[in-house]
C-alpha cells in the first residue's frame, strides 16, 4: 500500500508542476503584451519570461513523461515481486 501512496503522491505532484508551468506561461504572455516595449528601446532585444518558459516547456514535459513512465514501470515490477512471494 505504501508503493501506491508514493505513486499517487508523485503523480499529483507532477500534475501540479504541469498545471503551474502552463499557467505561468499564459500569465507571462499577458503581462508581456500588457506592457509593450519600444522597438528602438534598451529592452527591445531582451527575451520575456513567457518566451523562456515556452522554450523550456518541451524539456519539462519530456522530463515529466519519463518520470511518469518510470513510476509505472516501478509499479509493475512491485506487483510482480508481490506475486512471486
PDB file of N, CA and C in Angstrom:
ATOM      1  N   UNK A   1       0.822  -1.204   0.000  1.00  0.00           N
ATOM      2  CA  UNK A   1       0.000   0.000   0.000  1.00  0.00           C
ATOM      3  C   UNK A   1       0.861   1.262   0.000  1.00  0.00           C
ATOM      4  N   UNK A   2       2.043   1.176   0.597  1.00  0.00           N
ATOM      5  CA  UNK A   2       2.891   2.369   0.619  1.00  0.00           C
ATOM      6  C   UNK A   2       3.388   2.715  -0.786  1.00  0.00           C
ATOM      7  N   UNK A   3       3.607   1.684  -1.635  1.00  0.00           N
ATOM      8  CA  UNK A   3       4.008   1.979  -3.010  1.00  0.00           C
ATOM      9  C   UNK A   3       2.919   2.734  -3.753  1.00  0.00           C
ATOM     10  N   UNK A   4       1.672   2.333  -3.526  1.00  0.00           N
ATOM     11  CA  UNK A   4       0.558   3.013  -4.170  1.00  0.00           C
ATOM     12  C   UNK A   4       0.456   4.463  -3.693  1.00  0.00           C
ATOM     13  N   UNK A   5       0.629   4.681  -2.399  1.00  0.00           N
ATOM     14  CA  UNK A   5       0.588   6.050  -1.868  1.00  0.00           C
ATOM     15  C   UNK A   5       1.720   6.891  -2.441  1.00  0.00           C
ATOM     16  N   UNK A   6       2.881   6.293  -2.571  1.00  0.00           N
ATOM     17  CA  UNK A   6       4.019   7.010  -3.143  1.00  0.00           C
ATOM     18  C   UNK A   6       3.753   7.375  -4.598  1.00  0.00           C
ATOM     19  N   UNK A   7       3.224   6.416  -5.361  1.00  0.00           N
ATOM     20  CA  UNK A   7       2.936   6.684  -6.777  1.00  0.00           C
ATOM     21  C   UNK A   7       1.879   7.771  -6.932  1.00  0.00           C
ATOM     22  N   UNK A   8       0.842   7.708  -6.121  1.00  0.00           N
ATOM     23  CA  UNK A   8      -0.206   8.727  -6.204  1.00  0.00           C
ATOM     24  C   UNK A   8       0.367  10.094  -5.857  1.00  0.00           C
ATOM     25  N   UNK A   9       1.221  10.159  -4.860  1.00  0.00           N
ATOM     26  CA  UNK A   9       1.854  11.426  -4.494  1.00  0.00           C
ATOM     27  C   UNK A   9       2.723  11.980  -5.600  1.00  0.00           C
ATOM     28  N   UNK A  10       3.494  11.107  -6.246  1.00  0.00           N
ATOM     29  CA  UNK A  10       4.353  11.547  -7.345  1.00  0.00           C
ATOM     30  C   UNK A  10       3.523  12.052  -8.516  1.00  0.00           C
ATOM     31  N   UNK A  11       2.468  11.322  -8.870  1.00  0.00           N
ATOM     32  CA  UNK A  11       1.625  11.717  -9.998  1.00  0.00           C
ATOM     33  C   UNK A  11       0.927  13.049  -9.719  1.00  0.00           C
ATOM     34  N   UNK A  12       0.414  13.230  -8.507  1.00  0.00           N
ATOM     35  CA  UNK A  12      -0.245  14.500  -8.160  1.00  0.00           C
ATOM     36  C   UNK A  12       0.757  15.644  -8.203  1.00  0.00           C
ATOM     37  N   UNK A  13       1.959  15.418  -7.684  1.00  0.00           N
ATOM     38  CA  UNK A  13       2.988  16.448  -7.726  1.00  0.00           C
ATOM     39  C   UNK A  13       3.362  16.838  -9.142  1.00  0.00           C
ATOM     40  N   UNK A  14       3.492  15.842 -10.028  1.00  0.00           N
ATOM     41  CA  UNK A  14       3.820  16.132 -11.423  1.00  0.00           C
ATOM     42  C   UNK A  14       2.690  16.872 -12.119  1.00  0.00           C
ATOM     43  N   UNK A  15       1.448  16.498 -11.806  1.00  0.00           N
ATOM     44  CA  UNK A  15       0.316  17.207 -12.400  1.00  0.00           C
ATOM     45  C   UNK A  15       0.297  18.668 -11.957  1.00  0.00           C
ATOM     46  N   UNK A  16       0.608  18.918 -10.706  1.00  0.00           N
ATOM     47  CA  UNK A  16       0.658  20.303 -10.219  1.00  0.00           C
ATOM     48  C   UNK A  16       1.751  21.079 -10.931  1.00  0.00           C
ATOM     49  N   UNK A  17       2.915  20.454 -11.139  1.00  0.00           N
ATOM     50  CA  UNK A  17       4.008  21.127 -11.850  1.00  0.00           C
ATOM     51  C   UNK A  17       3.582  21.480 -13.273  1.00  0.00           C
ATOM     52  N   UNK A  18       2.912  20.564 -13.945  1.00  0.00           N
ATOM     53  CA  UNK A  18       2.464  20.818 -15.321  1.00  0.00           C
ATOM     54  C   UNK A  18       1.464  21.961 -15.363  1.00  0.00           C
ATOM     55  N   UNK A  19       0.484  21.939 -14.471  1.00  0.00           N
ATOM     56  CA  UNK A  19      -0.543  22.989 -14.467  1.00  0.00           C
ATOM     57  C   UNK A  19       0.076  24.343 -14.161  1.00  0.00           C
ATOM     58  N   UNK A  20       0.945  24.407 -13.173  1.00  0.00           N
ATOM     59  CA  UNK A  20       1.569  25.691 -12.816  1.00  0.00           C
ATOM     60  C   UNK A  20       2.442  26.202 -13.955  1.00  0.00           C
ATOM     61  N   UNK A  21       3.175  25.314 -14.612  1.00  0.00           N
ATOM     62  CA  UNK A  21       4.037  25.787 -15.698  1.00  0.00           C
ATOM     63  C   UNK A  21       3.227  26.309 -16.882  1.00  0.00           C
ATOM     64  N   UNK A  22       2.119  25.653 -17.203  1.00  0.00           N
ATOM     65  CA  UNK A  22       1.284  26.162 -18.297  1.00  0.00           C
ATOM     66  C   UNK A  22       0.596  27.473 -17.918  1.00  0.00           C
ATOM     67  N   UNK A  23       0.126  27.585 -16.673  1.00  0.00           N
ATOM     68  CA  UNK A  23      -0.493  28.837 -16.243  1.00  0.00           C
ATOM     69  C   UNK A  23       0.522  29.973 -16.209  1.00  0.00           C
ATOM     70  N   UNK A  24       1.740  29.675 -15.781  1.00  0.00           N
ATOM     71  CA  UNK A  24       2.775  30.701 -15.727  1.00  0.00           C
ATOM     72  C   UNK A  24       3.084  31.233 -17.115  1.00  0.00           C
ATOM     73  N   UNK A  25       3.105  30.347 -18.097  1.00  0.00           N
ATOM     74  CA  UNK A  25       3.359  30.784 -19.471  1.00  0.00           C
ATOM     75  C   UNK A  25       2.261  31.722 -19.955  1.00  0.00           C
ATOM     76  N   UNK A  26       1.012  31.377 -19.691  1.00  0.00           N
ATOM     77  CA  UNK A  26      -0.108  32.221 -20.121  1.00  0.00           C
ATOM     78  C   UNK A  26      -0.118  33.568 -19.433  1.00  0.00           C
ATOM     79  N   UNK A  27       0.137  33.574 -18.137  1.00  0.00           N
ATOM     80  CA  UNK A  27       0.159  34.841 -17.396  1.00  0.00           C
ATOM     81  C   UNK A  27       1.329  35.704 -17.851  1.00  0.00           C
ATOM     82  N   UNK A  28       2.476  35.082 -18.074  1.00  0.00           N
ATOM     83  CA  UNK A  28       3.643  35.840 -18.541  1.00  0.00           C
ATOM     84  C   UNK A  28       3.413  36.460 -19.900  1.00  0.00           C
ATOM     85  N   UNK A  29       2.721  35.737 -20.763  1.00  0.00           N
ATOM     86  CA  UNK A  29       2.417  36.283 -22.093  1.00  0.00           C
ATOM     87  C   UNK A  29       1.476  37.470 -21.993  1.00  0.00           C
ATOM     88  N   UNK A  30       0.493  37.392 -21.103  1.00  0.00           N
ATOM     89  CA  UNK A  30      -0.431  38.517 -20.924  1.00  0.00           C
ATOM     90  C   UNK A  30       0.291  39.730 -20.361  1.00  0.00           C
ATOM     91  N   UNK A  31       1.213  39.512 -19.442  1.00  0.00           N
ATOM     92  CA  UNK A  31       1.976  40.635 -18.877  1.00  0.00           C
ATOM     93  C   UNK A  31       2.870  41.246 -19.942  1.00  0.00           C
ATOM     94  N   UNK A  32       3.492  40.417 -20.774  1.00  0.00           N
ATOM     95  CA  UNK A  32       4.365  40.930 -21.827  1.00  0.00           C
ATOM     96  C   UNK A  32       3.580  41.745 -22.842  1.00  0.00           C
ATOM     97  N   UNK A  33       2.352  41.329 -23.125  1.00  0.00           N
ATOM     98  CA  UNK A  33       1.533  42.085 -24.080  1.00  0.00           C
ATOM     99  C   UNK A  33       0.919  43.322 -23.452  1.00  0.00           C
ATOM    100  N   UNK A  34       0.751  43.332 -22.133  1.00  0.00           N
ATOM    101  CA  UNK A  34       0.146  44.480 -21.472  1.00  0.00           C
ATOM    102  C   UNK A  34       1.091  45.676 -21.433  1.00  0.00           C
ATOM    103  N   UNK A  35       2.373  45.420 -21.399  1.00  0.00           N
ATOM    104  CA  UNK A  35       3.355  46.498 -21.323  1.00  0.00           C
ATOM    105  C   UNK A  35       4.308  46.392 -22.510  1.00  0.00           C
ATOM    106  N   UNK A  36       3.922  46.944 -23.645  1.00  0.00           N
ATOM    107  CA  UNK A  36       4.765  46.796 -24.833  1.00  0.00           C
ATOM    108  C   UNK A  36       6.088  47.562 -24.680  1.00  0.00           C
ATOM    109  N   UNK A  37       7.100  47.042 -25.320  1.00  0.00           N
ATOM    110  CA  UNK A  37       8.430  47.651 -25.295  1.00  0.00           C
ATOM    111  C   UNK A  37       8.674  48.307 -26.649  1.00  0.00           C
ATOM    112  N   UNK A  38       9.231  49.509 -26.623  1.00  0.00           N
ATOM    113  CA  UNK A  38       9.545  50.195 -27.876  1.00  0.00           C
ATOM    114  C   UNK A  38      10.558  49.387 -28.685  1.00  0.00           C
ATOM    115  N   UNK A  39      10.381  49.362 -29.984  1.00  0.00           N
ATOM    116  CA  UNK A  39      11.273  48.590 -30.848  1.00  0.00           C
ATOM    117  C   UNK A  39      12.691  49.146 -30.842  1.00  0.00           C
ATOM    118  N   UNK A  40      12.853  50.424 -30.517  1.00  0.00           N
ATOM    119  CA  UNK A  40      14.185  51.035 -30.511  1.00  0.00           C
ATOM    120  C   UNK A  40      14.706  51.249 -29.099  1.00  0.00           C
ATOM    121  N   UNK A  41      13.986  50.767 -28.089  1.00  0.00           N
ATOM    122  CA  UNK A  41      14.382  50.996 -26.703  1.00  0.00           C
ATOM    123  C   UNK A  41      15.508  50.073 -26.254  1.00  0.00           C
ATOM    124  N   UNK A  42      15.920  50.285 -24.990  1.00  0.00           N
ATOM    125  CA  UNK A  42      17.009  49.487 -24.427  1.00  0.00           C
ATOM    126  C   UNK A  42      16.628  48.018 -24.244  1.00  0.00           C
ATOM    127  N   UNK A  43      15.359  47.750 -24.043  1.00  0.00           N
ATOM    128  CA  UNK A  43      14.914  46.397 -23.755  1.00  0.00           C
ATOM    129  C   UNK A  43      14.268  45.717 -24.969  1.00  0.00           C
ATOM    130  N   UNK A  44      14.567  46.204 -26.163  1.00  0.00           N
ATOM    131  CA  UNK A  44      13.916  45.687 -27.368  1.00  0.00           C
ATOM    132  C   UNK A  44      14.303  44.237 -27.656  1.00  0.00           C
ATOM    133  N   UNK A  45      15.530  43.846 -27.368  1.00  0.00           N
ATOM    134  CA  UNK A  45      16.002  42.501 -27.718  1.00  0.00           C
ATOM    135  C   UNK A  45      16.065  41.556 -26.528  1.00  0.00           C
ATOM    136  N   UNK A  46      15.506  41.944 -25.410  1.00  0.00           N
ATOM    137  CA  UNK A  46      15.531  41.100 -24.215  1.00  0.00           C
ATOM    138  C   UNK A  46      14.369  40.110 -24.287  1.00  0.00           C
ATOM    139  N   UNK A  47      14.636  38.816 -24.095  1.00  0.00           N
ATOM    140  CA  UNK A  47      13.531  37.854 -24.121  1.00  0.00           C
ATOM    141  C   UNK A  47      12.644  38.002 -22.891  1.00  0.00           C
ATOM    142  N   UNK A  48      11.376  37.765 -23.071  1.00  0.00           N
ATOM    143  CA  UNK A  48      10.444  37.853 -21.948  1.00  0.00           C
ATOM    144  C   UNK A  48      10.438  36.530 -21.189  1.00  0.00           C
ATOM    145  N   UNK A  49       9.908  36.569 -19.990  1.00  0.00           N
ATOM    146  CA  UNK A  49       9.800  35.356 -19.193  1.00  0.00           C
ATOM    147  C   UNK A  49       8.918  34.320 -19.862  1.00  0.00           C
ATOM    148  N   UNK A  50       7.880  34.783 -20.538  1.00  0.00           N
ATOM    149  CA  UNK A  50       6.975  33.852 -21.217  1.00  0.00           C
ATOM    150  C   UNK A  50       7.680  33.111 -22.350  1.00  0.00           C
ATOM    151  N   UNK A  51       8.515  33.794 -23.095  1.00  0.00           N
ATOM    152  CA  UNK A  51       9.214  33.118 -24.193  1.00  0.00           C
ATOM    153  C   UNK A  51      10.237  32.112 -23.665  1.00  0.00           C
ATOM    154  N   UNK A  52      10.872  32.433 -22.549  1.00  0.00           N
ATOM    155  CA  UNK A  52      11.817  31.485 -21.947  1.00  0.00           C
ATOM    156  C   UNK A  52      11.080  30.250 -21.446  1.00  0.00           C
ATOM    157  N   UNK A  53       9.929  30.445 -20.803  1.00  0.00           N
ATOM    158  CA  UNK A  53       9.153  29.312 -20.318  1.00  0.00           C
ATOM    159  C   UNK A  53       8.641  28.451 -21.466  1.00  0.00           C
ATOM    160  N   UNK A  54       8.198  29.077 -22.538  1.00  0.00           N
ATOM    161  CA  UNK A  54       7.708  28.315 -23.687  1.00  0.00           C
ATOM    162  C   UNK A  54       8.834  27.494 -24.307  1.00  0.00           C
ATOM    163  N   UNK A  55      10.031  28.043 -24.326  1.00  0.00           N
ATOM    164  CA  UNK A  55      11.171  27.307 -24.868  1.00  0.00           C
ATOM    165  C   UNK A  55      11.498  26.097 -24.000  1.00  0.00           C
ATOM    166  N   UNK A  56      11.433  26.268 -22.690  1.00  0.00           N
ATOM    167  CA  UNK A  56      11.813  25.200 -21.781  1.00  0.00           C
ATOM    168  C   UNK A  56      10.683  24.218 -21.488  1.00  0.00           C
ATOM    169  N   UNK A  57       9.457  24.507 -21.916  1.00  0.00           N
ATOM    170  CA  UNK A  57       8.341  23.605 -21.641  1.00  0.00           C
ATOM    171  C   UNK A  57       8.513  22.260 -22.322  1.00  0.00           C
ATOM    172  N   UNK A  58       9.160  22.223 -23.463  1.00  0.00           N
ATOM    173  CA  UNK A  58       9.387  20.936 -24.133  1.00  0.00           C
ATOM    174  C   UNK A  58      10.269  20.049 -23.270  1.00  0.00           C
ATOM    175  N   UNK A  59      11.312  20.608 -22.701  1.00  0.00           N
ATOM    176  CA  UNK A  59      12.208  19.836 -21.837  1.00  0.00           C
ATOM    177  C   UNK A  59      11.477  19.386 -20.583  1.00  0.00           C
ATOM    178  N   UNK A  60      10.692  20.277 -20.001  1.00  0.00           N
ATOM    179  CA  UNK A  60       9.953  19.934 -18.784  1.00  0.00           C
ATOM    180  C   UNK A  60       8.934  18.839 -19.074  1.00  0.00           C
ATOM    181  N   UNK A  61       8.222  18.934 -20.185  1.00  0.00           N
ATOM    182  CA  UNK A  61       7.210  17.922 -20.492  1.00  0.00           C
ATOM    183  C   UNK A  61       7.838  16.568 -20.777  1.00  0.00           C
ATOM    184  N   UNK A  62       8.985  16.532 -21.449  1.00  0.00           N
ATOM    185  CA  UNK A  62       9.673  15.262 -21.693  1.00  0.00           C
ATOM    186  C   UNK A  62      10.158  14.662 -20.375  1.00  0.00           C
ATOM    187  N   UNK A  63      10.676  15.484 -19.493  1.00  0.00           N
ATOM    188  CA  UNK A  63      11.133  15.004 -18.191  1.00  0.00           C
ATOM    189  C   UNK A  63       9.984  14.421 -17.386  1.00  0.00           C
ATOM    190  N   UNK A  64       8.858  15.103 -17.383  1.00  0.00           N
ATOM    191  CA  UNK A  64       7.698  14.616 -16.642  1.00  0.00           C
ATOM    192  C   UNK A  64       7.192  13.309 -17.250  1.00  0.00           C
ATOM    193  N   UNK A  65       7.199  13.203 -18.561  1.00  0.00           N
ATOM    194  CA  UNK A  65       6.778  11.967 -19.215  1.00  0.00           C
ATOM    195  C   UNK A  65       7.690  10.806 -18.830  1.00  0.00           C
ATOM    196  N   UNK A  66       8.989  11.044 -18.794  1.00  0.00           N
ATOM    197  CA  UNK A  66       9.936   9.999 -18.401  1.00  0.00           C
ATOM    198  C   UNK A  66       9.703   9.580 -16.953  1.00  0.00           C
ATOM    199  N   UNK A  67       9.447  10.527 -16.077  1.00  0.00           N
ATOM    200  CA  UNK A  67       9.201  10.196 -14.669  1.00  0.00           C
ATOM    201  C   UNK A  67       7.922   9.378 -14.526  1.00  0.00           C
ATOM    202  N   UNK A  68       6.877   9.753 -15.238  1.00  0.00           N
ATOM    203  CA  UNK A  68       5.621   9.002 -15.151  1.00  0.00           C
ATOM    204  C   UNK A  68       5.814   7.573 -15.670  1.00  0.00           C
ATOM    205  N   UNK A  69       6.546   7.412 -16.761  1.00  0.00           N
ATOM    206  CA  UNK A  69       6.802   6.074 -17.288  1.00  0.00           C
ATOM    207  C   UNK A  69       7.623   5.251 -16.304  1.00  0.00           C
ATOM    208  N   UNK A  70       8.629   5.871 -15.690  1.00  0.00           N
ATOM    209  CA  UNK A  70       9.451   5.129 -14.731  1.00  0.00           C
ATOM    210  C   UNK A  70       8.657   4.748 -13.493  1.00  0.00           C
ATOM    211  N   UNK A  71       7.746   5.599 -13.043  1.00  0.00           N
ATOM    212  CA  UNK A  71       6.891   5.254 -11.906  1.00  0.00           C
ATOM    213  C   UNK A  71       5.977   4.088 -12.283  1.00  0.00           C
ATOM    214  N   UNK A  72       5.443   4.092 -13.493  1.00  0.00           N
ATOM    215  CA  UNK A  72       4.607   2.985 -13.945  1.00  0.00           C
ATOM    216  C   UNK A  72       5.378   1.678 -14.024  1.00  0.00           C
ATOM    217  N   UNK A  73       6.599   1.728 -14.547  1.00  0.00           N
ATOM    218  CA  UNK A  73       7.426   0.523 -14.611  1.00  0.00           C
ATOM    219  C   UNK A  73       7.744   0.027 -13.201  1.00  0.00           C
ATOM    220  N   UNK A  74       8.042   0.946 -12.302  1.00  0.00           N
ATOM    221  CA  UNK A  74       8.306   0.554 -10.914  1.00  0.00           C
ATOM    222  C   UNK A  74       7.091  -0.081 -10.267  1.00  0.00           C
ATOM    223  N   UNK A  75       5.918   0.426 -10.581  1.00  0.00           N
ATOM    224  CA  UNK A  75       4.690  -0.154 -10.017  1.00  0.00           C
ATOM    225  C   UNK A  75       4.468  -1.567 -10.543  1.00  0.00           C
ATOM    226  N   UNK A  76       4.707  -1.762 -11.827  1.00  0.00           N
ATOM    227  CA  UNK A  76       4.534  -3.092 -12.413  1.00  0.00           C
ATOM    228  C   UNK A  76       5.546  -4.075 -11.823  1.00  0.00           C
ATOM    229  N   UNK A  77       6.777  -3.622 -11.636  1.00  0.00           N
ATOM    230  CA  UNK A  77       7.792  -4.505 -11.040  1.00  0.00           C
ATOM    231  C   UNK A  77       7.438  -4.820  -9.589  1.00  0.00           C
ATOM    232  N   UNK A  78       6.884  -3.843  -8.877  1.00  0.00           N
ATOM    233  CA  UNK A  78       6.457  -4.103  -7.497  1.00  0.00           C
ATOM    234  C   UNK A  78       5.340  -5.113  -7.436  1.00  0.00           C
ATOM    235  N   UNK A  79       4.405  -5.041  -8.375  1.00  0.00           N
ATOM    236  CA  UNK A  79       3.323  -6.022  -8.415  1.00  0.00           C
ATOM    237  C   UNK A  79       3.851  -7.412  -8.749  1.00  0.00           C
ATOM    238  N   UNK A  80       4.844  -7.473  -9.647  1.00  0.00           N
ATOM    239  CA  UNK A  80       5.429  -8.758  -9.988  1.00  0.00           C
ATOM    240  C   UNK A  80       6.131  -9.379  -8.790  1.00  0.00           C
ATOM    241  N   UNK A  81       6.841  -8.552  -8.032  1.00  0.00           N
ATOM    242  CA  UNK A  81       7.553  -9.065  -6.854  1.00  0.00           C
ATOM    243  C   UNK A  81       6.570  -9.569  -5.791  1.00  0.00           C
ATOM    244  N   UNK A  82       5.461  -8.893  -5.619  1.00  0.00           N
ATOM    245  CA  UNK A  82       4.457  -9.332  -4.644  1.00  0.00           C
ATOM    246  C   UNK A  82       3.801 -10.633  -5.086  1.00  0.00           C
ATOM    247  N   UNK A  83       3.645 -10.818  -6.397  1.00  0.00           N
ATOM    248  CA  UNK A  83       3.048 -12.039  -6.900  1.00  0.00           C
ATOM    249  C   UNK A  83       3.962 -13.242  -6.740  1.00  0.00           C
ATOM    250  N   UNK A  84       5.269 -13.021  -6.741  1.00  0.00           N
ATOM    251  CA  UNK A  84       6.222 -14.118  -6.620  1.00  0.00           C
ATOM    252  C   UNK A  84       6.417 -14.562  -5.168  1.00  0.00           C
ATOM    253  N   UNK A  85       6.001 -13.771  -4.214  1.00  0.00           N
ATOM    254  CA  UNK A  85       6.215 -14.108  -2.795  1.00  0.00           C
ATOM    255  C   UNK A  85       5.242 -15.139  -2.311  1.00  0.00           C
TER     256      UNK A  85
END
